C-alpha atoms as a PDB file:
ATOM      1  CA  MET A   1      19.729 -11.659  61.588  1.00  0.00           C
ATOM      2  CA  ALA A   2      19.527 -12.584  57.910  1.00  0.00           C
ATOM      3  CA  ALA A   3      16.232 -11.785  57.745  1.00  0.00           C
ATOM      4  CA  THR A   4      17.085  -8.055  59.092  1.00  0.00           C
ATOM      5  CA  THR A   5      19.353  -8.098  56.389  1.00  0.00           C
ATOM      6  CA  ALA A   6      16.809  -9.365  53.569  1.00  0.00           C
ATOM      7  CA  ASP A   7      13.974  -6.661  54.690  1.00  0.00           C
ATOM      8  CA  ALA A   8      16.617  -3.888  54.790  1.00  0.00           C
ATOM      9  CA  ARG A   9      18.094  -4.678  51.562  1.00  0.00           C
ATOM     10  CA  ARG A  10      14.118  -4.286  49.923  1.00  0.00           C
ATOM     11  CA  PRO A  11      13.329  -1.203  48.493  1.00  0.00           C
ATOM     12  CA  ARG A  12      10.774   0.613  50.685  1.00  0.00           C
ATOM     13  CA  PRO A  13       7.326   1.420  49.586  1.00  0.00           C
ATOM     14  CA  LEU A  14       7.918   4.925  49.085  1.00  0.00           C
ATOM     15  CA  ALA A  15      11.175   4.461  47.181  1.00  0.00           C
ATOM     16  CA  LEU A  16       9.466   2.280  45.118  1.00  0.00           C
ATOM     17  CA  ARG A  17       6.330   4.553  44.412  1.00  0.00           C
ATOM     18  CA  ALA A  18       8.742   7.456  43.485  1.00  0.00           C
ATOM     19  CA  PHE A  19      10.890   5.630  41.158  1.00  0.00           C
ATOM     20  CA  ARG A  20       7.324   4.638  39.509  1.00  0.00           C
ATOM     21  CA  TRP A  21       6.370   7.693  39.240  1.00  0.00           C
ATOM     22  CA  SER A  22       9.698   9.261  38.071  1.00  0.00           C
ATOM     23  CA  ARG A  23       9.397   6.708  35.212  1.00  0.00           C
ATOM     24  CA  ARG A  24       6.415   7.544  34.265  1.00  0.00           C
ATOM     25  CA  ILE A  25       7.503  11.015  33.939  1.00  0.00           C
ATOM     26  CA  LEU A  26      10.008  10.787  32.403  1.00  0.00           C
ATOM     27  CA  LEU A  27       7.862   8.377  29.486  1.00  0.00           C
ATOM     28  CA  TYR A  28       5.231  11.088  29.478  1.00  0.00           C
ATOM     29  CA  LEU A  29       7.899  13.578  28.289  1.00  0.00           C
ATOM     30  CA  ILE A  30       9.303  11.484  25.633  1.00  0.00           C
ATOM     31  CA  VAL A  31       6.203  11.189  24.480  1.00  0.00           C
ATOM     32  CA  VAL A  32       4.989  14.638  24.759  1.00  0.00           C
ATOM     33  CA  GLY A  33       8.510  15.708  23.436  1.00  0.00           C
ATOM     34  CA  GLY A  34       7.885  13.277  20.680  1.00  0.00           C
ATOM     35  CA  SER A  35       4.158  14.793  19.707  1.00  0.00           C
ATOM     36  CA  PHE A  36       5.824  18.030  19.290  1.00  0.00           C
ATOM     37  CA  VAL A  37       8.113  16.990  16.859  1.00  0.00           C
ATOM     38  CA  TYR A  38       5.643  15.015  14.534  1.00  0.00           C
ATOM     39  CA  MET A  39       3.125  18.350  14.705  1.00  0.00           C
ATOM     40  CA  TYR A  40       5.762  21.111  14.084  1.00  0.00           C
ATOM     41  CA  PRO A  41       5.147  20.612  10.165  1.00  0.00           C
ATOM     42  CA  VAL A  42       1.415  21.391  11.019  1.00  0.00           C
ATOM     43  CA  PHE A  43       1.967  24.303  13.149  1.00  0.00           C
ATOM     44  CA  PHE A  44       4.183  25.853  10.661  1.00  0.00           C
ATOM     45  CA  MET A  45       1.183  24.895   7.645  1.00  0.00           C
ATOM     46  CA  LEU A  46      -0.785  26.777   9.963  1.00  0.00           C
ATOM     47  CA  ARG A  47       1.608  29.634  10.810  1.00  0.00           C
ATOM     48  CA  THR A  48       2.364  30.223   7.327  1.00  0.00           C
ATOM     49  CA  SER A  49      -1.529  30.062   6.096  1.00  0.00           C
ATOM     50  CA  LEU A  50      -2.737  32.492   8.791  1.00  0.00           C
ATOM     51  CA  THR A  51       0.648  35.090   7.899  1.00  0.00           C
ATOM     52  CA  LYS A  52       0.655  38.324   5.429  1.00  0.00           C
ATOM     53  CA  GLU A  53       2.552  37.530   2.262  1.00  0.00           C
ATOM     54  CA  SER A  54       4.852  40.372   3.128  1.00  0.00           C
ATOM     55  CA  ASP A  55       5.004  38.692   6.377  1.00  0.00           C
ATOM     56  CA  LEU A  56       6.863  35.199   5.396  1.00  0.00           C
ATOM     57  CA  TYR A  57      10.405  36.516   4.605  1.00  0.00           C
ATOM     58  CA  VAL A  58      10.703  38.707   8.161  1.00  0.00           C
ATOM     59  CA  VAL A  59      13.747  37.966  10.422  1.00  0.00           C
ATOM     60  CA  PRO A  60      13.331  36.931  12.687  1.00  0.00           C
ATOM     61  CA  PRO A  61      10.442  35.190  11.744  1.00  0.00           C
ATOM     62  CA  ILE A  62       6.871  35.370  13.268  1.00  0.00           C
ATOM     63  CA  ILE A  63       6.147  32.583  15.047  1.00  0.00           C
ATOM     64  CA  VAL A  64       2.544  33.350  15.605  1.00  0.00           C
ATOM     65  CA  PRO A  65       1.115  36.065  13.199  1.00  0.00           C
ATOM     66  CA  LEU A  66      -1.519  38.305  15.255  1.00  0.00           C
ATOM     67  CA  PRO A  67      -3.968  39.505  13.697  1.00  0.00           C
ATOM     68  CA  PRO A  68      -4.379  35.762  12.067  1.00  0.00           C
ATOM     69  CA  VAL A  69      -4.841  37.042   8.464  1.00  0.00           C
ATOM     70  CA  TRP A  70      -7.979  34.457   7.710  1.00  0.00           C
ATOM     71  CA  GLU A  71      -8.812  35.852   3.941  1.00  0.00           C
ATOM     72  CA  ASN A  72      -5.422  33.390   3.043  1.00  0.00           C
ATOM     73  CA  TYR A  73      -8.214  30.581   2.921  1.00  0.00           C
ATOM     74  CA  ALA A  74     -10.786  32.783   1.267  1.00  0.00           C
ATOM     75  CA  ILE A  75      -8.172  34.285  -1.331  1.00  0.00           C
ATOM     76  CA  MET A  76      -7.183  30.507  -2.073  1.00  0.00           C
ATOM     77  CA  TRP A  77     -10.738  29.407  -2.028  1.00  0.00           C
ATOM     78  CA  GLN A  78     -11.397  31.955  -5.392  1.00  0.00           C
ATOM     79  CA  ASN A  79      -8.133  31.943  -7.158  1.00  0.00           C
ATOM     80  CA  GLY A  80      -8.909  28.297  -8.240  1.00  0.00           C
ATOM     81  CA  PRO A  81     -12.001  26.040  -9.032  1.00  0.00           C
ATOM     82  CA  THR A  82     -11.196  24.558  -5.473  1.00  0.00           C
ATOM     83  CA  TRP A  83     -14.633  23.205  -5.362  1.00  0.00           C
ATOM     84  CA  SER A  84     -14.543  21.213  -8.062  1.00  0.00           C
ATOM     85  CA  TRP A  85     -10.974  19.626  -6.879  1.00  0.00           C
ATOM     86  CA  MET A  86     -12.604  18.946  -3.697  1.00  0.00           C
ATOM     87  CA  LYS A  87     -15.473  16.968  -5.406  1.00  0.00           C
ATOM     88  CA  ASN A  88     -13.519  15.226  -7.425  1.00  0.00           C
ATOM     89  CA  SER A  89     -11.442  14.344  -4.935  1.00  0.00           C
ATOM     90  CA  PHE A  90     -14.543  13.160  -2.742  1.00  0.00           C
ATOM     91  CA  ILE A  91     -15.765  11.182  -5.667  1.00  0.00           C
ATOM     92  CA  VAL A  92     -12.634   9.198  -6.166  1.00  0.00           C
ATOM     93  CA  VAL A  93     -11.874   8.581  -2.561  1.00  0.00           C
ATOM     94  CA  GLY A  94     -15.596   7.509  -1.878  1.00  0.00           C
ATOM     95  CA  PHE A  95     -15.393   5.297  -4.583  1.00  0.00           C
ATOM     96  CA  SER A  96     -12.545   3.678  -3.817  1.00  0.00           C
ATOM     97  CA  VAL A  97     -12.797   2.778  -0.277  1.00  0.00           C
ATOM     98  CA  VAL A  98     -15.650   1.105  -0.935  1.00  0.00           C
ATOM     99  CA  ALA A  99     -14.925  -0.496  -4.344  1.00  0.00           C
ATOM    100  CA  GLU A 100     -11.473  -1.898  -2.517  1.00  0.00           C
ATOM    101  CA  THR A 101     -13.175  -2.874   1.152  1.00  0.00           C
ATOM    102  CA  ILE A 102     -15.933  -4.679  -0.820  1.00  0.00           C
ATOM    103  CA  THR A 103     -13.517  -6.598  -3.430  1.00  0.00           C
ATOM    104  CA  SER A 104     -10.520  -7.018  -0.685  1.00  0.00           C
ATOM    105  CA  VAL A 105     -13.051  -8.493   1.859  1.00  0.00           C
ATOM    106  CA  SER A 106     -14.409 -11.028  -0.724  1.00  0.00           C
ATOM    107  CA  VAL A 107     -10.890 -12.294  -2.023  1.00  0.00           C
ATOM    108  CA  ALA A 108      -9.466 -12.551   1.612  1.00  0.00           C
ATOM    109  CA  TYR A 109     -12.893 -14.712   2.100  1.00  0.00           C
ATOM    110  CA  GLY A 110     -11.846 -17.126  -0.220  1.00  0.00           C
ATOM    111  CA  PHE A 111      -8.315 -17.603   0.364  1.00  0.00           C
ATOM    112  CA  ALA A 112      -9.425 -17.787   3.949  1.00  0.00           C
ATOM    113  CA  ARG A 113     -12.858 -19.756   4.485  1.00  0.00           C
ATOM    114  CA  THR A 114     -12.562 -22.039   1.170  1.00  0.00           C
ATOM    115  CA  ARG A 115     -10.910 -24.707  -0.182  1.00  0.00           C
ATOM    116  CA  PHE A 116      -9.755 -24.981  -3.798  1.00  0.00           C
ATOM    117  CA  ALA A 117      -7.033 -26.128  -6.081  1.00  0.00           C
ATOM    118  CA  ALA A 118      -3.970 -23.476  -5.842  1.00  0.00           C
ATOM    119  CA  ARG A 119      -5.690 -21.633  -3.647  1.00  0.00           C
ATOM    120  CA  ASP A 120      -2.244 -21.245  -1.791  1.00  0.00           C
ATOM    121  CA  LYS A 121      -0.313 -20.937  -5.403  1.00  0.00           C
ATOM    122  CA  LEU A 122      -2.671 -18.089  -6.084  1.00  0.00           C
ATOM    123  CA  PHE A 123      -2.493 -16.113  -2.961  1.00  0.00           C
ATOM    124  CA  ILE A 124       1.234 -16.112  -2.983  1.00  0.00           C
ATOM    125  CA  GLY A 125       0.460 -14.624  -6.532  1.00  0.00           C
ATOM    126  CA  VAL A 126      -1.686 -12.037  -4.773  1.00  0.00           C
ATOM    127  CA  LEU A 127       1.369 -11.150  -2.364  1.00  0.00           C
ATOM    128  CA  ALA A 128       4.008 -11.113  -5.657  1.00  0.00           C
ATOM    129  CA  THR A 129       2.220  -8.144  -7.198  1.00  0.00           C
ATOM    130  CA  MET A 130       3.098  -6.437  -4.046  1.00  0.00           C
ATOM    131  CA  MET A 131       6.980  -6.269  -4.685  1.00  0.00           C
ATOM    132  CA  LEU A 132       5.634  -4.569  -8.142  1.00  0.00           C
ATOM    133  CA  PRO A 133       5.889  -0.964  -7.925  1.00  0.00           C
ATOM    134  CA  GLY A 134       3.088   0.786  -9.165  1.00  0.00           C
ATOM    135  CA  ALA A 135       5.572   3.001 -12.015  1.00  0.00           C
ATOM    136  CA  VAL A 136       6.030  -0.494 -13.568  1.00  0.00           C
ATOM    137  CA  THR A 137       2.630  -0.472 -15.087  1.00  0.00           C
ATOM    138  CA  LEU A 138       1.273   2.984 -15.047  1.00  0.00           C
ATOM    139  CA  ILE A 139       2.471   3.353 -18.542  1.00  0.00           C
ATOM    140  CA  PRO A 140       0.548   0.092 -19.897  1.00  0.00           C
ATOM    141  CA  ARG A 141      -2.479   1.462 -17.529  1.00  0.00           C
ATOM    142  CA  TRP A 142      -1.904   4.840 -19.393  1.00  0.00           C
ATOM    143  CA  LEU A 143      -2.150   3.424 -23.313  1.00  0.00           C
ATOM    144  CA  ILE A 144      -5.326   1.033 -22.131  1.00  0.00           C
ATOM    145  CA  PHE A 145      -7.110   4.210 -20.882  1.00  0.00           C
ATOM    146  CA  HIS A 146      -6.042   6.236 -23.667  1.00  0.00           C
ATOM    147  CA  ARG A 147      -7.409   3.472 -25.956  1.00  0.00           C
ATOM    148  CA  LEU A 148     -10.632   3.659 -24.159  1.00  0.00           C
ATOM    149  CA  ASP A 149     -10.738   7.333 -24.717  1.00  0.00           C
ATOM    150  CA  MET A 150     -10.995   8.155 -20.173  1.00  0.00           C
ATOM    151  CA  ILE A 151      -7.879  10.291 -20.266  1.00  0.00           C
ATOM    152  CA  ASP A 152      -9.123  13.536 -18.690  1.00  0.00           C
ATOM    153  CA  THR A 153     -11.675  11.507 -16.649  1.00  0.00           C
ATOM    154  CA  LEU A 154     -11.732  10.467 -13.661  1.00  0.00           C
ATOM    155  CA  TRP A 155     -12.483   6.945 -14.440  1.00  0.00           C
ATOM    156  CA  PRO A 156      -8.685   5.182 -14.493  1.00  0.00           C
ATOM    157  CA  LEU A 157      -9.284   6.585 -10.944  1.00  0.00           C
ATOM    158  CA  LEU A 158     -11.871   4.289 -10.260  1.00  0.00           C
ATOM    159  CA  ILE A 159     -12.039   0.861 -12.554  1.00  0.00           C
ATOM    160  CA  PRO A 160      -8.501  -0.241 -10.904  1.00  0.00           C
ATOM    161  CA  ARG A 161     -10.129  -0.085  -7.919  1.00  0.00           C
ATOM    162  CA  LEU A 162     -13.104  -2.416  -8.526  1.00  0.00           C
ATOM    163  CA  PHE A 163     -10.013  -5.351  -8.265  1.00  0.00           C
ATOM    164  CA  GLY A 164      -9.219  -5.378  -5.105  1.00  0.00           C
ATOM    165  CA  THR A 165      -5.840  -4.337  -3.095  1.00  0.00           C
ATOM    166  CA  PRO A 166      -3.011  -6.891  -2.211  1.00  0.00           C
ATOM    167  CA  PHE A 167      -2.035  -5.780   0.976  1.00  0.00           C
ATOM    168  CA  TYR A 168      -6.033  -5.068   1.836  1.00  0.00           C
ATOM    169  CA  ILE A 169      -6.644  -8.530   0.611  1.00  0.00           C
ATOM    170  CA  PHE A 170      -3.296  -9.688   3.217  1.00  0.00           C
ATOM    171  CA  ILE A 171      -4.766  -8.032   6.273  1.00  0.00           C
ATOM    172  CA  MET A 172      -8.343  -9.350   5.728  1.00  0.00           C
ATOM    173  CA  ARG A 173      -6.862 -12.821   4.888  1.00  0.00           C
ATOM    174  CA  GLN A 174      -5.017 -12.968   8.196  1.00  0.00           C
ATOM    175  CA  PHE A 175      -7.957 -11.561  10.609  1.00  0.00           C
ATOM    176  CA  PHE A 176     -10.053 -13.926   8.808  1.00  0.00           C
ATOM    177  CA  LEU A 177      -7.754 -17.145  10.040  1.00  0.00           C
ATOM    178  CA  THR A 178      -7.954 -16.152  13.502  1.00  0.00           C
ATOM    179  CA  LEU A 179     -11.755 -16.626  13.449  1.00  0.00           C
ATOM    180  CA  PRO A 180     -12.610 -19.926  14.593  1.00  0.00           C
ATOM    181  CA  ARG A 181     -13.533 -22.445  11.867  1.00  0.00           C
ATOM    182  CA  GLU A 182     -16.699 -23.791  14.079  1.00  0.00           C
ATOM    183  CA  LEU A 183     -18.109 -20.640  13.312  1.00  0.00           C
ATOM    184  CA  ASP A 184     -18.574 -22.009   9.635  1.00  0.00           C
ATOM    185  CA  ASP A 185     -19.428 -25.118  10.229  1.00  0.00           C
ATOM    186  CA  ALA A 186     -22.227 -24.548  12.324  1.00  0.00           C
ATOM    187  CA  ALA A 187     -23.660 -22.011   9.728  1.00  0.00           C
ATOM    188  CA  ARG A 188     -23.446 -24.527   7.228  1.00  0.00           C
ATOM    189  CA  ILE A 189     -25.073 -27.366   8.861  1.00  0.00           C
ATOM    190  CA  ASP A 190     -28.105 -24.619   9.420  1.00  0.00           C
ATOM    191  CA  GLY A 191     -27.699 -24.623   5.620  1.00  0.00           C
ATOM    192  CA  ALA A 192     -26.009 -21.304   5.287  1.00  0.00           C
ATOM    193  CA  SER A 193     -24.360 -20.551   2.248  1.00  0.00           C
ATOM    194  CA  HIS A 194     -20.765 -18.834   1.497  1.00  0.00           C
ATOM    195  CA  LEU A 195     -22.208 -15.581   0.852  1.00  0.00           C
ATOM    196  CA  GLN A 196     -24.640 -15.979   4.348  1.00  0.00           C
ATOM    197  CA  ILE A 197     -21.959 -16.687   6.275  1.00  0.00           C
ATOM    198  CA  LEU A 198     -19.639 -14.090   4.947  1.00  0.00           C
ATOM    199  CA  ARG A 199     -22.684 -11.323   5.482  1.00  0.00           C
ATOM    200  CA  LYS A 200     -23.860 -12.663   9.077  1.00  0.00           C
ATOM    201  CA  VAL A 201     -21.278 -14.508  10.640  1.00  0.00           C
ATOM    202  CA  VAL A 202     -17.594 -13.183   9.532  1.00  0.00           C
ATOM    203  CA  LEU A 203     -18.306  -9.769   9.106  1.00  0.00           C
ATOM    204  CA  PRO A 204     -19.724  -8.594  12.288  1.00  0.00           C
ATOM    205  CA  LEU A 205     -16.833 -10.207  13.724  1.00  0.00           C
ATOM    206  CA  SER A 206     -14.551  -8.244  11.096  1.00  0.00           C
ATOM    207  CA  ILE A 207     -15.479  -4.455  11.835  1.00  0.00           C
ATOM    208  CA  PRO A 208     -11.990  -3.759  13.121  1.00  0.00           C
ATOM    209  CA  ALA A 209     -10.240  -5.062  10.910  1.00  0.00           C
ATOM    210  CA  ILE A 210     -12.703  -3.269   7.864  1.00  0.00           C
ATOM    211  CA  ALA A 211     -12.097  -0.020   9.349  1.00  0.00           C
ATOM    212  CA  THR A 212      -8.516  -0.424   9.363  1.00  0.00           C
ATOM    213  CA  ILE A 213      -8.527  -1.600   5.286  1.00  0.00           C
ATOM    214  CA  ALA A 214     -11.114   1.537   5.204  1.00  0.00           C
ATOM    215  CA  VAL A 215      -9.025   4.553   6.842  1.00  0.00           C
ATOM    216  CA  PHE A 216      -5.722   3.097   4.990  1.00  0.00           C
ATOM    217  CA  SER A 217      -7.950   3.094   1.455  1.00  0.00           C
ATOM    218  CA  PHE A 218      -9.043   7.006   2.913  1.00  0.00           C
ATOM    219  CA  MET A 219      -5.614   8.293   3.298  1.00  0.00           C
ATOM    220  CA  ASN A 220      -3.957   6.425   0.235  1.00  0.00           C
ATOM    221  CA  ARG A 221      -6.294   8.051  -1.844  1.00  0.00           C
ATOM    222  CA  TRP A 222      -7.062  11.268  -0.868  1.00  0.00           C
ATOM    223  CA  ASN A 223      -3.313  12.178  -0.549  1.00  0.00           C
ATOM    224  CA  ASP A 224      -2.695  10.168  -4.346  1.00  0.00           C
ATOM    225  CA  PHE A 225      -0.560  12.384  -6.681  1.00  0.00           C
ATOM    226  CA  LEU A 226       0.813  10.830  -9.176  1.00  0.00           C
ATOM    227  CA  GLU A 227      -1.781   8.676 -11.089  1.00  0.00           C
ATOM    228  CA  PRO A 228      -4.284  12.790 -10.930  1.00  0.00           C
ATOM    229  CA  LEU A 229      -1.845  13.764 -12.088  1.00  0.00           C
ATOM    230  CA  ILE A 230      -0.877  11.538 -15.064  1.00  0.00           C
ATOM    231  CA  TYR A 231      -4.519  10.896 -15.956  1.00  0.00           C
ATOM    232  CA  LEU A 232      -5.797  13.917 -15.656  1.00  0.00           C
ATOM    233  CA  LEU A 233      -5.485  17.286 -17.554  1.00  0.00           C
ATOM    234  CA  ARG A 234      -7.772  20.039 -17.098  1.00  0.00           C
ATOM    235  CA  THR A 235      -7.635  22.183 -14.157  1.00  0.00           C
ATOM    236  CA  GLU A 236     -11.024  21.448 -13.198  1.00  0.00           C
ATOM    237  CA  ASN A 237     -10.809  18.172 -13.859  1.00  0.00           C
ATOM    238  CA  LEU A 238      -8.040  17.477 -10.638  1.00  0.00           C
ATOM    239  CA  THR A 239      -8.251  16.395  -7.635  1.00  0.00           C
ATOM    240  CA  LEU A 240      -7.069  18.551  -4.472  1.00  0.00           C
ATOM    241  CA  ALA A 241      -3.918  16.750  -4.073  1.00  0.00           C
ATOM    242  CA  VAL A 242      -2.473  18.245  -7.240  1.00  0.00           C
ATOM    243  CA  GLY A 243      -4.367  21.396  -7.685  1.00  0.00           C
ATOM    244  CA  LEU A 244      -2.400  23.076  -4.824  1.00  0.00           C
ATOM    245  CA  ARG A 245       0.543  22.981  -7.808  1.00  0.00           C
ATOM    246  CA  PHE A 246      -1.728  25.522  -8.832  1.00  0.00           C
ATOM    247  CA  PHE A 247      -0.299  28.589  -6.640  1.00  0.00           C
ATOM    248  CA  VAL A 248       3.104  27.064  -7.701  1.00  0.00           C
ATOM    249  CA  SER A 249       4.738  28.619 -10.716  1.00  0.00           C
ATOM    250  CA  ARG A 250       8.070  29.552 -12.392  1.00  0.00           C
ATOM    251  CA  PHE A 251       7.580  33.099 -11.195  1.00  0.00           C
ATOM    252  CA  GLY A 252       7.432  31.954  -8.003  1.00  0.00           C
ATOM    253  CA  THR A 253       5.559  30.486  -4.851  1.00  0.00           C
ATOM    254  CA  GLU A 254       2.580  31.884  -3.472  1.00  0.00           C
ATOM    255  CA  TYR A 255       2.739  29.947   0.189  1.00  0.00           C
ATOM    256  CA  HIS A 256       0.532  31.426   2.226  1.00  0.00           C
ATOM    257  CA  LEU A 257      -2.126  30.444  -0.103  1.00  0.00           C
ATOM    258  CA  LEU A 258      -0.469  26.667  -0.723  1.00  0.00           C
ATOM    259  CA  MET A 259      -0.320  25.960   2.812  1.00  0.00           C
ATOM    260  CA  ALA A 260      -4.261  27.267   3.498  1.00  0.00           C
ATOM    261  CA  GLY A 261      -4.633  24.826   0.641  1.00  0.00           C
ATOM    262  CA  ALA A 262      -2.913  22.175   2.340  1.00  0.00           C
ATOM    263  CA  MET A 263      -4.391  22.265   5.577  1.00  0.00           C
ATOM    264  CA  LEU A 264      -8.124  21.929   3.772  1.00  0.00           C
ATOM    265  CA  LEU A 265      -6.033  18.593   2.229  1.00  0.00           C
ATOM    266  CA  ILE A 266      -5.669  17.085   5.844  1.00  0.00           C
ATOM    267  CA  VAL A 267      -8.587  18.112   7.541  1.00  0.00           C
ATOM    268  CA  PRO A 268     -10.424  15.579   6.183  1.00  0.00           C
ATOM    269  CA  MET A 269      -7.904  12.861   6.993  1.00  0.00           C
ATOM    270  CA  ILE A 270      -7.339  14.001  10.879  1.00  0.00           C
ATOM    271  CA  ILE A 271     -11.377  13.958  11.161  1.00  0.00           C
ATOM    272  CA  ALA A 272     -11.528  10.138   8.928  1.00  0.00           C
ATOM    273  CA  PHE A 273      -8.930   9.235  11.435  1.00  0.00           C
ATOM    274  CA  PHE A 274     -10.887  10.335  14.966  1.00  0.00           C
ATOM    275  CA  LEU A 275     -13.969   9.037  13.754  1.00  0.00           C
ATOM    276  CA  ALA A 276     -12.637   5.097  12.932  1.00  0.00           C
ATOM    277  CA  GLN A 277      -9.672   5.584  15.713  1.00  0.00           C
ATOM    278  CA  LYS A 278     -11.050   2.951  18.080  1.00  0.00           C
ATOM    279  CA  GLN A 279     -11.544   0.467  15.429  1.00  0.00           C
ATOM    280  CA  PHE A 280      -8.625   1.162  13.901  1.00  0.00           C
ATOM    281  CA  ILE A 281      -6.306   0.163  16.768  1.00  0.00           C
ATOM    282  CA  ARG A 282      -8.395  -2.499  17.277  1.00  0.00           C
ATOM    283  CA  GLY A 283      -7.808  -3.594  13.402  1.00  0.00           C
ATOM    284  CA  ILE A 284      -4.225  -3.483  13.991  1.00  0.00           C
ATOM    285  CA  ALA A 285      -3.854  -5.028  17.298  1.00  0.00           C
ATOM    286  CA  LEU A 286      -6.455  -8.024  16.320  1.00  0.00           C
ATOM    287  CA  THR A 287      -4.878  -8.248  12.649  1.00  0.00           C
ATOM    288  CA  GLY A 288      -2.948 -11.639  13.159  1.00  0.00           C
ATOM    289  CA  ILE A 289       0.057 -13.452  11.276  1.00  0.00           C
ATOM    290  CA  LYS A 290      -1.611 -16.618  11.354  1.00  0.00           C
ATOM    291  CA  GLY A 291      -1.623 -19.192   8.385  1.00  0.00           C
END
């Protein structure tokens, strides 16, 4: 009798499967609903970029402009030196991604895989710079580049990237700490130097973490607005993020052209993320908190 009662209290397989399916469907609905919330600004940008200027303030608003006005993109491209803005952005971003990645990986390797005096204190000093807002050092850096006669050039946006980024150094150090030290010892027995160990042993195992900081660097520099605004003066020397201000004036804002430029701004970020998505997610998952 007791066994019969216990069996009756157990959930039936059909009811259990129904519960699991309902829970999964609810989870999917929440995810899809959240994605709509985050995708709405992108939809609004795309909708505005394909709408006639005269239809932007129509009540009720036009949800889907028919036919779409693709000419807005051509007008946006022709109304400003958009090609120069794109070229400057790619120069800054390409140099920054390579420089920040190489420097951050090298410094992180020194902190994680070598032993020297005051190593931990120096690393704490590097982390302490993360608490210093960039705006605090903006004026001193501007004065330095002004004395070097580099204002209104791309050099103030390129030279600082040669010295690494504390956050990227932290990420790479934490990842390097998760790799077995026995690999270094085995390579050292074979006569490998630190540079050879880094290049032939550590780096092949660190592709996910390197992809992570490369994506972070690309997005940060591509979206950077403050530094190009401070250092660059002439219109043709601007980056794309700052050049979009060209469509905002005291006489009004050309929203259809501004949103067309904003769509042009986010497309490279979307492409970069999807190309590096697999390695990026692995890098976030594998980066440890050891040490």
